[in-house]
Amino acid sequence: MNIDRPNLALVLSFLVILAVLLPPAHTVDRPNIILLMGDDHGWEETGYNGHAYLQTPVLDTMAATGLRFDRFYSAHPSCSPTRGSVLTGRHPNRYGTFAPNWSVRPEEITIAHLLSNAGYATGHFGKWHLGPVKTESPTNPGAMGFDEWLSHDNFFELHPILSRNGGPPIRFEGESSEIIVDETIRFISRARQSHKPFLAVVWFGSPHEPYSGLEEDLALYDNLPNRYADKTVTLTSNKTGLPIKRPLRDVLRERYAEITAMDRAIGTLRNYLEREDLRDNTLLWYNGDNGTPSSGVADTQLRGLKGTMYEGGILVPGIIEWPARITTPRQSDVAAVTSDILPTVAAIVGQPTPHRPLDGINLELLIDGAMTSRPTPLFFWSFNIDTLAERVREPYISANLQKGTTPLVKLMNGLSIRSFQNFHHRTVNANDFSGPRVILDKGYKLVIGAAEDSGTELFDLRDDPSETNNIAEREPALVENLETQLQEWQKSALRSLTGADYR
């Protein structure tokens, strides 16, 4: 067809007008991303994993309709380090987030940075725990790539006290999971008005102790077995903020109420996505941040608890729901970890990963049902903080910037707020390689130093998921090979810890 010059100019003008008026094409092509995480939510604490009493109908539905991970791991058996792995795709020892209340480093590149560069609106809601959330903190959510946030330095209960975009703490009345999901929905609505796809990172305060719940949720668990009443556990008192001993039955009733409330809030979010015609092209990813703590364990087939390198400390619930791409329900026994989230999401939205060592891998093939085994090992390591006593501690961030503002029930050193720490680690010595550590490859799990008297342990998780049969003496060559790989990975992590990745 021939178009004369006046008509061609008219057509071009019309196309320019359309380009201005219509939303960018990537709002259709690129999926929205929502990353959900429960706090201390262990693998066995869902209905779909066979829990005898817990009611988690929303998570059960997601597991039945999306991609259910049967071997999904937190990068660390405690919260702050795992959260760092989600944001960076890197093991937390690379940047000194060794334990709870250890901050991330300002030079880290996060999933929020990457998606912001790709034109996404980015928001964080709930528990942060990677440094103070106040405005002046160099590791608050805004500094780490989020456009907006309603967040807490640590965890929170009913009627949480949160900071909006680094401002003064504000008390919000109501159930905490419901509150942060409502805020997430408002953020999504604003992103849509701006014609942007969105990244929402939603980190619940539940079910971390001390526990509390709405009456309607508590009533669901009035009839837990009496045998739990015979055992007492230690947890935080909601009244004093100090440790208290209580019957396990009463504690479980409150813990399970929190999990059910969190599950219901996720349902509220899914229903919103459905109503607004967003669900098909939204990747919704749920996982826990570590295993179940001692205050919340009823019955489990797993060995170990939160804080340990056994399966009970690092195996967590994991689900991806994305109807546009995961069109048929699937279960996967391929090992995956929280560090995989950044490289996977980066690949999905077409962003290059940071030019520094990553510990996660792109799981797109697994999402599409084309990955039957993990091509690289998984590594876990709790840095031995006691070895830092022999060093001159040079703070990475000044103390006043590491002091939190949002109070919580649980007192630490008599204070209701949390301060954070991170230190320069300019050189590496032999003691730095100590601490409980794991390599998991092709079903074999080598565990070193998990307890004072445990030594070196090797388990075949395919036949022994409860880690009851140590086969290390039977497989010396395999132990040696895995130990060598583990030490080489530690060398890489320690090089990162010195700050080499930032130079």
Protein backbone atom coordinates (compact mmCIF):
# COMPACT_ATOMS: atom_id res chain seq x y z
CA MET A 1 0.00 0.00 0.00
CA ASN A 2 1.32 3.46 -0.89
CA ILE A 3 0.93 6.35 1.55
CA ASP A 4 1.54 9.89 0.33
CA ARG A 5 3.69 12.22 2.46
CA PRO A 6 0.85 14.26 4.06
CA ASN A 7 -0.99 11.10 5.07
CA LEU A 8 2.24 9.52 6.34
CA ALA A 9 2.85 12.52 8.56
CA LEU A 10 -0.70 12.21 9.88
CA VAL A 11 -0.21 8.50 10.66
CA LEU A 12 3.07 9.17 12.44
CA SER A 13 1.48 11.93 14.52
CA PHE A 14 -1.32 9.57 15.50
CA LEU A 15 1.18 6.89 16.55
CA VAL A 16 3.08 9.41 18.69
CA ILE A 17 -0.16 10.39 20.44
CA LEU A 18 -0.97 6.73 21.10
CA ALA A 19 2.50 6.15 22.55
CA VAL A 20 1.95 8.98 25.02
CA LEU A 21 -1.57 7.99 26.03
CA LEU A 22 -1.19 4.22 26.29
CA PRO A 23 0.61 2.54 29.18
CA PRO A 24 4.05 1.08 28.45
CA ALA A 25 4.01 -2.30 26.73
CA HIS A 26 5.90 -3.98 29.58
CA THR A 27 2.81 -3.72 31.82
CA VAL A 28 1.43 -6.50 29.64
CA ASP A 29 4.61 -8.37 28.76
CA ARG A 30 6.30 -8.43 32.14
CA PRO A 31 4.71 -10.12 35.12
CA ASN A 32 4.06 -8.41 38.39
CA ILE A 33 6.10 -9.91 41.24
CA ILE A 34 4.93 -10.48 44.82
CA LEU A 35 7.34 -12.11 47.29
CA LEU A 36 5.69 -13.30 50.49
CA MET A 37 7.55 -14.65 53.51
CA GLY A 38 6.41 -16.00 56.86
CA ASP A 39 8.53 -15.42 59.95
CA ASP A 40 9.67 -18.68 61.62
CA HIS A 41 7.21 -20.68 59.51
CA GLY A 42 8.53 -24.24 59.37
CA TRP A 43 8.10 -26.78 56.58
CA GLU A 44 5.61 -29.00 58.42
CA GLU A 45 3.28 -26.14 59.41
CA THR A 46 0.87 -26.26 56.47
CA GLY A 47 -2.14 -28.36 55.70
CA TYR A 48 -0.70 -29.43 52.35
CA ASN A 49 2.38 -30.87 54.07
CA GLY A 50 0.15 -33.03 56.22
CA HIS A 51 -0.18 -31.08 59.45
CA ALA A 52 -2.80 -32.71 61.64
CA TYR A 53 -4.36 -29.54 63.05
CA LEU A 54 -3.29 -26.40 61.19
CA GLN A 55 -5.80 -24.80 58.84
CA THR A 56 -4.07 -23.13 55.89
CA PRO A 57 -6.67 -23.34 53.10
CA VAL A 58 -5.13 -20.58 50.96
CA LEU A 59 -1.61 -21.97 50.98
CA ASP A 60 -3.10 -25.41 50.35
CA THR A 61 -4.91 -24.08 47.28
CA MET A 62 -1.77 -22.37 46.00
CA ALA A 63 0.19 -25.60 46.44
CA ALA A 64 -2.52 -27.52 44.58
CA THR A 65 -2.76 -25.11 41.64
CA GLY A 66 0.80 -23.79 41.23
CA LEU A 67 4.36 -25.04 41.66
CA ARG A 68 4.87 -26.74 45.01
CA PHE A 69 8.45 -27.10 46.20
CA ASP A 70 8.91 -30.16 48.35
CA ARG A 71 12.56 -29.27 48.99
CA PHE A 72 12.72 -25.51 49.39
CA TYR A 73 15.36 -24.14 51.74
CA SER A 74 16.10 -20.92 53.55
CA ALA A 75 19.69 -19.83 52.93
CA HIS A 76 20.27 -19.71 56.69
CA PRO A 77 18.54 -21.15 59.76
CA SER A 78 17.70 -17.66 61.06
CA CYS A 79 15.87 -14.61 59.82
CA SER A 80 18.11 -11.61 58.98
CA PRO A 81 20.58 -13.70 56.96
CA THR A 82 17.82 -15.40 54.97
CA ARG A 83 16.18 -12.06 54.20
CA GLY A 84 19.46 -10.78 52.85
CA SER A 85 19.68 -13.81 50.56
CA VAL A 86 16.25 -13.09 49.09
CA LEU A 87 17.19 -9.51 48.24
CA THR A 88 20.70 -10.16 46.94
CA GLY A 89 20.82 -13.72 45.58
CA ARG A 90 23.94 -14.13 47.72
CA HIS A 91 24.80 -16.01 50.87
CA PRO A 92 24.64 -13.59 53.83
CA ASN A 93 28.21 -14.35 54.93
CA ARG A 94 29.39 -12.55 51.79
CA TYR A 95 28.29 -9.21 53.29
CA GLY A 96 28.47 -9.82 57.03
CA THR A 97 24.81 -10.45 57.83
CA PHE A 98 25.81 -13.27 60.16
CA ALA A 99 22.80 -13.50 62.46
CA PRO A 100 19.58 -11.75 63.51
CA ASN A 101 20.13 -8.01 64.06
CA TRP A 102 23.18 -7.94 61.77
CA SER A 103 22.57 -5.46 58.97
CA VAL A 104 23.15 -5.78 55.27
CA ARG A 105 25.87 -3.61 53.72
CA PRO A 106 24.90 -0.49 51.73
CA GLU A 107 26.86 -1.61 48.63
CA GLU A 108 24.71 -4.68 48.06
CA ILE A 109 22.60 -4.71 44.88
CA THR A 110 19.08 -5.97 45.51
CA ILE A 111 16.16 -7.34 43.58
CA ALA A 112 14.44 -3.99 44.16
CA HIS A 113 17.32 -2.14 42.48
CA LEU A 114 17.09 -4.44 39.47
CA LEU A 115 13.35 -4.17 39.03
CA SER A 116 13.34 -0.45 39.64
CA ASN A 117 15.81 -0.17 36.76
CA ALA A 118 13.39 -2.23 34.68
CA GLY A 119 10.58 0.28 35.27
CA TYR A 120 8.81 -1.48 38.13
CA ALA A 121 7.22 0.22 41.11
CA THR A 122 8.80 -1.32 44.21
CA GLY A 123 7.41 -1.56 47.73
CA HIS A 124 8.31 -3.33 50.98
CA PHE A 125 5.75 -4.14 53.66
CA GLY A 126 6.27 -5.73 57.08
CA LYS A 127 9.40 -7.12 58.69
CA TRP A 128 12.70 -5.73 57.39
CA HIS A 129 15.38 -6.80 59.89
CA LEU A 130 18.33 -5.87 57.69
CA GLY A 131 19.03 -2.57 59.43
CA PRO A 132 16.87 0.24 60.79
CA VAL A 133 13.99 1.40 58.61
CA LYS A 134 14.36 5.05 59.62
CA THR A 135 15.06 7.70 56.98
CA GLU A 136 18.73 8.25 57.77
CA SER A 137 19.66 4.57 57.76
CA PRO A 138 21.89 3.63 54.79
CA THR A 139 20.30 0.19 54.75
CA ASN A 140 16.61 1.08 55.01
CA PRO A 141 14.27 -0.26 52.31
CA GLY A 142 14.57 2.97 50.32
CA ALA A 143 18.35 2.75 50.25
CA MET A 144 17.99 -0.86 49.15
CA GLY A 145 15.89 0.03 46.10
CA PHE A 146 12.28 0.31 47.29
CA ASP A 147 10.19 3.29 46.26
CA GLU A 148 8.07 3.07 49.37
CA TRP A 149 7.74 1.02 52.51
CA LEU A 150 5.67 0.44 55.61
CA SER A 151 8.05 -1.61 57.67
CA HIS A 152 9.41 -2.64 61.06
CA ASP A 153 13.02 -3.04 62.11
CA ASN A 154 12.20 -6.52 63.37
CA PHE A 155 8.99 -8.50 64.00
CA PHE A 156 5.58 -7.43 65.30
CA GLU A 157 2.34 -8.72 66.76
CA LEU A 158 -1.28 -7.56 66.86
CA HIS A 159 -1.60 -3.75 66.60
CA PRO A 160 1.91 -3.32 65.13
CA ILE A 161 4.00 -0.18 65.33
CA LEU A 162 5.43 0.51 61.87
CA SER A 163 7.35 3.23 60.04
CA ARG A 164 6.09 4.65 56.77
CA ASN A 165 8.94 5.56 54.43
CA GLY A 166 11.32 6.00 57.34
CA GLY A 167 9.10 8.35 59.33
CA PRO A 168 8.22 8.24 63.05
CA PRO A 169 6.71 4.96 64.27
CA ILE A 170 2.91 4.75 64.09
CA ARG A 171 0.63 2.23 65.81
CA PHE A 172 -1.82 0.43 63.52
CA GLU A 173 -4.86 -1.18 65.08
CA GLY A 174 -5.69 -4.68 63.97
CA GLU A 175 -4.27 -8.04 62.93
CA SER A 176 -0.78 -7.48 61.58
CA SER A 177 -0.91 -9.73 58.50
CA GLU A 178 -4.17 -8.10 57.45
CA ILE A 179 -2.67 -4.64 57.92
CA ILE A 180 0.36 -5.19 55.72
CA VAL A 181 -1.67 -6.91 53.00
CA ASP A 182 -4.09 -3.96 52.94
CA GLU A 183 -1.09 -1.65 52.52
CA THR A 184 0.24 -3.87 49.75
CA ILE A 185 -3.07 -3.65 47.91
CA ARG A 186 -3.03 0.13 48.12
CA PHE A 187 0.53 0.14 46.73
CA ILE A 188 -0.51 -2.10 43.84
CA SER A 189 -3.41 0.22 43.07
CA ARG A 190 -1.07 3.20 42.90
CA ALA A 191 1.34 1.30 40.65
CA ARG A 192 -1.50 0.51 38.26
CA GLN A 193 -2.52 4.17 38.14
CA SER A 194 1.07 4.95 37.12
CA HIS A 195 0.90 2.23 34.44
CA LYS A 196 3.81 0.37 36.02
CA PRO A 197 4.32 -3.30 36.79
CA PHE A 198 5.13 -3.83 40.45
CA LEU A 199 7.39 -5.66 42.86
CA ALA A 200 5.83 -6.06 46.31
CA VAL A 201 7.93 -7.69 49.02
CA VAL A 202 5.58 -8.68 51.85
CA TRP A 203 7.31 -10.06 54.94
CA PHE A 204 4.86 -11.03 57.64
CA GLY A 205 5.58 -10.76 61.36
CA SER A 206 3.78 -14.05 61.90
CA PRO A 207 4.14 -16.60 63.30
CA HIS A 208 7.19 -15.37 65.27
CA GLU A 209 6.80 -15.52 69.04
CA PRO A 210 5.39 -14.06 71.26
CA TYR A 211 2.13 -15.34 69.86
CA SER A 212 -1.29 -13.74 69.80
CA GLY A 213 -4.43 -14.10 67.76
CA LEU A 214 -7.95 -12.97 67.05
CA GLU A 215 -10.69 -14.80 68.94
CA GLU A 216 -12.10 -16.28 65.75
CA ASP A 217 -8.73 -17.82 64.93
CA LEU A 218 -7.95 -18.95 68.45
CA ALA A 219 -11.29 -20.75 68.59
CA LEU A 220 -10.23 -22.99 65.70
CA TYR A 221 -7.64 -24.57 67.98
CA ASP A 222 -9.54 -24.93 71.23
CA ASN A 223 -9.44 -28.71 70.98
CA LEU A 224 -5.75 -29.46 70.51
CA PRO A 225 -4.74 -32.75 72.18
CA ASN A 226 -4.31 -32.69 75.92
CA ARG A 227 -0.92 -34.36 75.62
CA TYR A 228 0.55 -31.02 74.58
CA ALA A 229 -0.52 -29.56 77.92
CA ASP A 230 1.96 -31.79 79.74
CA LYS A 231 4.96 -30.07 78.15
CA THR A 232 6.10 -26.52 78.90
CA VAL A 233 8.08 -24.27 76.57
CA THR A 234 9.89 -20.99 77.02
CA LEU A 235 8.88 -17.94 75.02
CA THR A 236 8.34 -14.21 75.44
CA SER A 237 5.56 -12.84 77.62
CA ASN A 238 3.28 -10.41 75.79
CA LYS A 239 2.84 -8.57 79.10
CA THR A 240 6.44 -8.14 80.26
CA GLY A 241 8.55 -8.79 77.16
CA LEU A 242 10.61 -11.24 79.23
CA PRO A 243 10.94 -15.05 79.01
CA ILE A 244 8.13 -17.08 80.50
CA LYS A 245 7.25 -20.78 80.65
CA ARG A 246 3.82 -21.86 79.43
CA PRO A 247 2.07 -25.12 78.47
CA LEU A 248 2.79 -26.06 74.85
CA ARG A 249 -0.91 -26.60 74.17
CA ASP A 250 -1.75 -22.97 74.95
CA VAL A 251 1.23 -21.74 72.97
CA LEU A 252 0.37 -23.81 69.90
CA ARG A 253 -3.19 -22.51 69.99
CA GLU A 254 -1.89 -18.96 69.62
CA ARG A 255 0.83 -19.85 67.08
CA TYR A 256 -1.59 -21.70 64.86
CA ALA A 257 -4.04 -18.80 65.08
CA GLU A 258 -1.32 -16.50 63.73
CA ILE A 259 -0.57 -18.84 60.84
CA THR A 260 -4.25 -19.09 59.93
CA ALA A 261 -4.59 -15.29 60.04
CA MET A 262 -1.55 -14.94 57.77
CA ASP A 263 -3.04 -17.52 55.42
CA ARG A 264 -6.32 -15.58 55.30
CA ALA A 265 -4.46 -12.32 54.53
CA ILE A 266 -2.74 -14.02 51.59
CA GLY A 267 -6.22 -15.03 50.45
CA THR A 268 -7.31 -11.39 50.61
CA LEU A 269 -4.41 -10.48 48.35
CA ARG A 270 -5.16 -13.27 45.87
CA ASN A 271 -8.82 -12.27 45.75
CA TYR A 272 -7.83 -8.69 44.98
CA LEU A 273 -5.57 -9.83 42.15
CA GLU A 274 -8.44 -11.90 40.77
CA ARG A 275 -10.95 -9.05 40.93
CA GLU A 276 -8.58 -6.63 39.23
CA ASP A 277 -7.65 -9.10 36.48
CA LEU A 278 -4.05 -9.20 37.71
CA ARG A 279 -3.76 -12.76 38.93
CA ASP A 280 -2.84 -14.47 35.65
CA ASN A 281 0.27 -12.39 35.06
CA THR A 282 1.39 -12.01 38.67
CA LEU A 283 4.11 -14.26 40.04
CA LEU A 284 3.20 -14.93 43.68
CA TRP A 285 6.02 -16.62 45.62
CA TYR A 286 5.61 -17.76 49.23
CA ASN A 287 8.24 -19.22 51.55
CA GLY A 288 9.33 -19.29 55.18
CA ASP A 289 12.57 -17.71 56.43
CA ASN A 290 13.76 -20.61 58.61
CA GLY A 291 12.51 -23.65 60.46
CA THR A 292 10.19 -23.88 63.44
CA PRO A 293 11.51 -22.58 66.80
CA SER A 294 11.51 -24.65 69.98
CA SER A 295 8.45 -22.80 71.28
CA GLY A 296 6.34 -23.94 68.32
CA VAL A 297 7.24 -27.57 67.70
CA ALA A 298 4.49 -30.13 68.17
CA ASP A 299 5.13 -33.15 65.95
CA THR A 300 7.60 -33.24 63.09
CA GLN A 301 9.44 -35.85 61.08
CA LEU A 302 12.39 -33.51 60.59
CA ARG A 303 15.54 -33.37 62.68
CA GLY A 304 16.51 -30.09 64.30
CA LEU A 305 14.90 -26.70 64.86
CA LYS A 306 15.37 -23.09 63.87
CA GLY A 307 19.04 -22.22 64.24
CA THR A 308 20.36 -25.66 63.25
CA MET A 309 21.75 -26.96 59.98
CA TYR A 310 19.50 -30.02 59.99
CA GLU A 311 16.37 -30.11 57.84
CA GLY A 312 14.20 -28.80 60.66
CA GLY A 313 16.23 -25.59 60.65
CA ILE A 314 16.39 -24.81 56.93
CA LEU A 315 13.65 -26.71 55.06
CA VAL A 316 10.65 -24.38 54.68
CA PRO A 317 7.36 -24.15 52.76
CA GLY A 318 7.81 -22.93 49.19
CA ILE A 319 5.15 -22.23 46.54
CA ILE A 320 5.01 -20.28 43.27
CA GLU A 321 1.68 -19.37 41.73
CA TRP A 322 1.73 -17.79 38.25
CA PRO A 323 -1.27 -18.91 36.15
CA ALA A 324 -0.04 -17.37 32.89
CA ARG A 325 3.08 -19.52 32.94
CA ILE A 326 2.39 -22.35 35.40
CA THR A 327 -0.72 -23.61 33.65
CA THR A 328 -0.85 -27.05 35.26
CA PRO A 329 -0.16 -27.91 38.91
CA ARG A 330 3.24 -29.39 39.65
CA GLN A 331 5.28 -30.68 42.57
CA SER A 332 9.06 -30.54 42.48
CA ASP A 333 11.65 -32.34 44.58
CA VAL A 334 14.49 -30.34 43.01
CA ALA A 335 16.34 -28.54 45.79
CA ALA A 336 15.86 -24.76 45.66
CA VAL A 337 16.79 -21.96 48.05
CA THR A 338 15.91 -18.36 48.86
CA SER A 339 19.08 -17.19 47.08
CA ASP A 340 17.50 -18.40 43.83
CA ILE A 341 14.79 -15.73 43.96
CA LEU A 342 16.86 -12.81 42.64
CA PRO A 343 18.45 -14.57 39.64
CA THR A 344 15.12 -16.15 38.73
CA VAL A 345 13.15 -12.91 38.86
CA ALA A 346 15.93 -10.99 37.10
CA ALA A 347 15.83 -13.46 34.21
CA ILE A 348 12.05 -13.34 34.01
CA VAL A 349 11.98 -9.54 33.66
CA GLY A 350 15.02 -9.43 31.39
CA GLN A 351 17.49 -7.78 33.75
CA PRO A 352 21.15 -8.79 34.05
CA THR A 353 22.26 -10.01 37.46
CA PRO A 354 24.89 -8.03 39.39
CA HIS A 355 28.52 -8.55 38.33
CA ARG A 356 29.57 -10.25 41.55
CA PRO A 357 29.39 -13.82 42.90
CA LEU A 358 25.84 -15.10 43.33
CA ASP A 359 24.86 -18.25 45.21
CA GLY A 360 21.42 -18.67 43.69
CA ILE A 361 20.54 -19.87 40.20
CA ASN A 362 17.84 -19.07 37.67
CA LEU A 363 14.90 -21.46 38.23
CA GLU A 364 13.00 -20.65 35.02
CA LEU A 365 13.51 -24.17 33.70
CA LEU A 366 12.09 -25.55 36.93
CA ILE A 367 9.11 -23.20 36.68
CA ASP A 368 8.51 -24.53 33.17
CA GLY A 369 8.84 -28.16 34.26
CA ALA A 370 12.11 -28.72 32.40
CA MET A 371 14.56 -29.01 35.34
CA THR A 372 14.78 -32.45 36.91
CA SER A 373 17.87 -31.92 39.04
CA ARG A 374 19.79 -28.96 40.38
CA PRO A 375 22.93 -28.30 38.34
CA THR A 376 24.92 -26.83 41.25
CA PRO A 377 25.23 -27.69 44.95
CA LEU A 378 23.57 -25.75 47.75
CA PHE A 379 25.80 -24.35 50.51
CA PHE A 380 24.78 -23.34 54.03
CA TRP A 381 27.00 -21.82 56.70
CA SER A 382 26.50 -20.20 60.10
CA PHE A 383 29.55 -18.01 60.60
CA ASN A 384 31.21 -18.55 63.99
CA ILE A 385 30.71 -15.12 65.49
CA ASP A 386 32.87 -16.05 68.50
CA THR A 387 35.95 -15.82 66.28
CA LEU A 388 35.34 -12.08 65.91
CA ALA A 389 36.46 -11.60 69.52
CA GLU A 390 40.09 -11.90 68.38
CA ARG A 391 39.67 -9.05 65.89
CA VAL A 392 39.52 -5.33 66.25
CA ARG A 393 35.89 -4.65 65.39
CA GLU A 394 35.69 -1.82 62.89
CA PRO A 395 32.02 -0.88 62.41
CA TYR A 396 30.86 -0.87 58.82
CA ILE A 397 28.16 1.68 59.68
CA SER A 398 28.23 4.15 62.57
CA ALA A 399 26.33 3.15 65.71
CA ASN A 400 23.81 6.01 65.56
CA LEU A 401 22.73 4.93 62.06
CA GLN A 402 22.34 1.33 63.23
CA LYS A 403 19.93 2.17 66.07
CA GLY A 404 16.32 1.17 65.39
CA THR A 405 13.14 3.08 66.16
CA THR A 406 10.18 0.69 65.90
CA PRO A 407 9.48 -1.03 69.25
CA LEU A 408 8.45 -4.65 69.71
CA VAL A 409 7.18 -6.69 72.62
CA LYS A 410 10.30 -8.81 73.15
CA LEU A 411 12.94 -7.00 75.18
CA MET A 412 16.65 -7.35 74.48
CA ASN A 413 19.05 -5.98 77.07
CA GLY A 414 16.03 -4.25 78.58
CA LEU A 415 15.20 -2.40 75.34
CA SER A 416 12.16 -2.72 73.09
CA ILE A 417 14.00 -1.45 70.01
CA ARG A 418 16.79 -3.20 68.11
CA SER A 419 20.20 -1.96 67.11
CA PHE A 420 22.15 -3.57 64.30
CA GLN A 421 25.80 -4.28 63.59
CA ASN A 422 28.13 -5.12 60.72
CA PHE A 423 31.92 -4.98 60.65
CA HIS A 424 34.71 -4.64 58.14
CA HIS A 425 36.52 -7.93 57.60
CA ARG A 426 39.61 -6.88 55.71
CA THR A 427 41.64 -10.10 56.04
CA VAL A 428 40.88 -13.82 56.23
CA ASN A 429 42.40 -16.34 58.65
CA ALA A 430 41.95 -20.04 59.32
CA ASN A 431 39.42 -19.51 62.11
CA ASP A 432 37.06 -17.81 59.67
CA PHE A 433 36.24 -21.18 58.09
CA SER A 434 34.67 -22.54 61.30
CA GLY A 435 31.00 -22.70 62.21
CA PRO A 436 28.26 -25.18 61.27
CA ARG A 437 28.20 -25.69 57.51
CA VAL A 438 26.57 -27.83 54.85
CA ILE A 439 26.88 -28.82 51.23
CA LEU A 440 23.84 -30.45 49.62
CA ASP A 441 24.34 -32.06 46.23
CA LYS A 442 22.32 -34.67 44.33
CA GLY A 443 20.48 -35.76 47.44
CA TYR A 444 23.58 -36.08 49.61
CA LYS A 445 23.92 -33.69 52.52
CA LEU A 446 27.27 -33.24 54.25
CA VAL A 447 26.96 -31.55 57.64
CA ILE A 448 30.05 -30.35 59.53
CA GLY A 449 30.03 -29.03 63.09
CA ALA A 450 26.27 -28.90 63.56
CA ALA A 451 26.80 -29.62 67.27
CA GLU A 452 29.83 -29.89 69.54
CA ASP A 453 29.96 -33.67 69.38
CA SER A 454 28.47 -34.25 65.90
CA GLY A 455 31.68 -34.10 63.85
CA THR A 456 31.17 -34.80 60.14
CA GLU A 457 27.86 -36.30 59.06
CA LEU A 458 26.67 -37.47 55.66
CA PHE A 459 23.02 -38.18 54.90
CA ASP A 460 21.27 -39.44 51.80
CA LEU A 461 18.08 -37.37 51.98
CA ARG A 462 16.42 -39.44 49.27
CA ASP A 463 16.28 -42.44 51.59
CA ASP A 464 16.70 -40.68 54.92
CA PRO A 465 14.88 -37.32 55.00
CA SER A 466 14.86 -37.40 58.81
CA GLU A 467 18.69 -37.49 58.91
CA THR A 468 18.91 -40.47 61.24
CA ASN A 469 21.59 -42.53 59.47
CA ASN A 470 25.09 -41.02 59.24
CA ILE A 471 26.83 -42.76 56.32
CA ALA A 472 30.07 -40.71 56.42
CA GLU A 473 32.28 -43.65 57.37
CA ARG A 474 30.80 -45.72 54.55
CA GLU A 475 31.48 -43.07 51.88
CA PRO A 476 34.92 -41.54 52.60
CA ALA A 477 35.62 -40.57 48.98
CA LEU A 478 32.30 -38.77 48.69
CA VAL A 479 32.90 -36.99 52.01
CA GLU A 480 36.32 -35.81 50.83
CA ASN A 481 34.93 -34.55 47.53
CA LEU A 482 32.09 -32.66 49.18
CA GLU A 483 34.40 -31.19 51.82
CA THR A 484 36.69 -29.87 49.09
CA GLN A 485 33.79 -28.20 47.27
CA LEU A 486 32.51 -26.73 50.51
CA GLN A 487 35.87 -25.22 51.42
CA GLU A 488 36.32 -23.74 47.95
CA TRP A 489 32.92 -22.10 48.25
CA GLN A 490 33.84 -20.76 51.69
CA LYS A 491 36.96 -19.17 50.19
CA SER A 492 34.77 -17.36 47.67
CA ALA A 493 32.36 -16.20 50.37
CA LEU A 494 35.20 -14.94 52.58
CA ARG A 495 36.73 -13.05 49.69
CA SER A 496 33.39 -11.28 49.27
CA LEU A 497 33.30 -10.62 53.02
CA THR A 498 36.55 -8.63 52.74
CA GLY A 499 34.73 -6.19 50.44
CA ALA A 500 36.46 -7.39 47.27
CA ASP A 501 33.16 -7.45 45.33
CA TYR A 502 32.72 -3.71 45.81
CA ARG A 503 36.11 -2.74 44.39
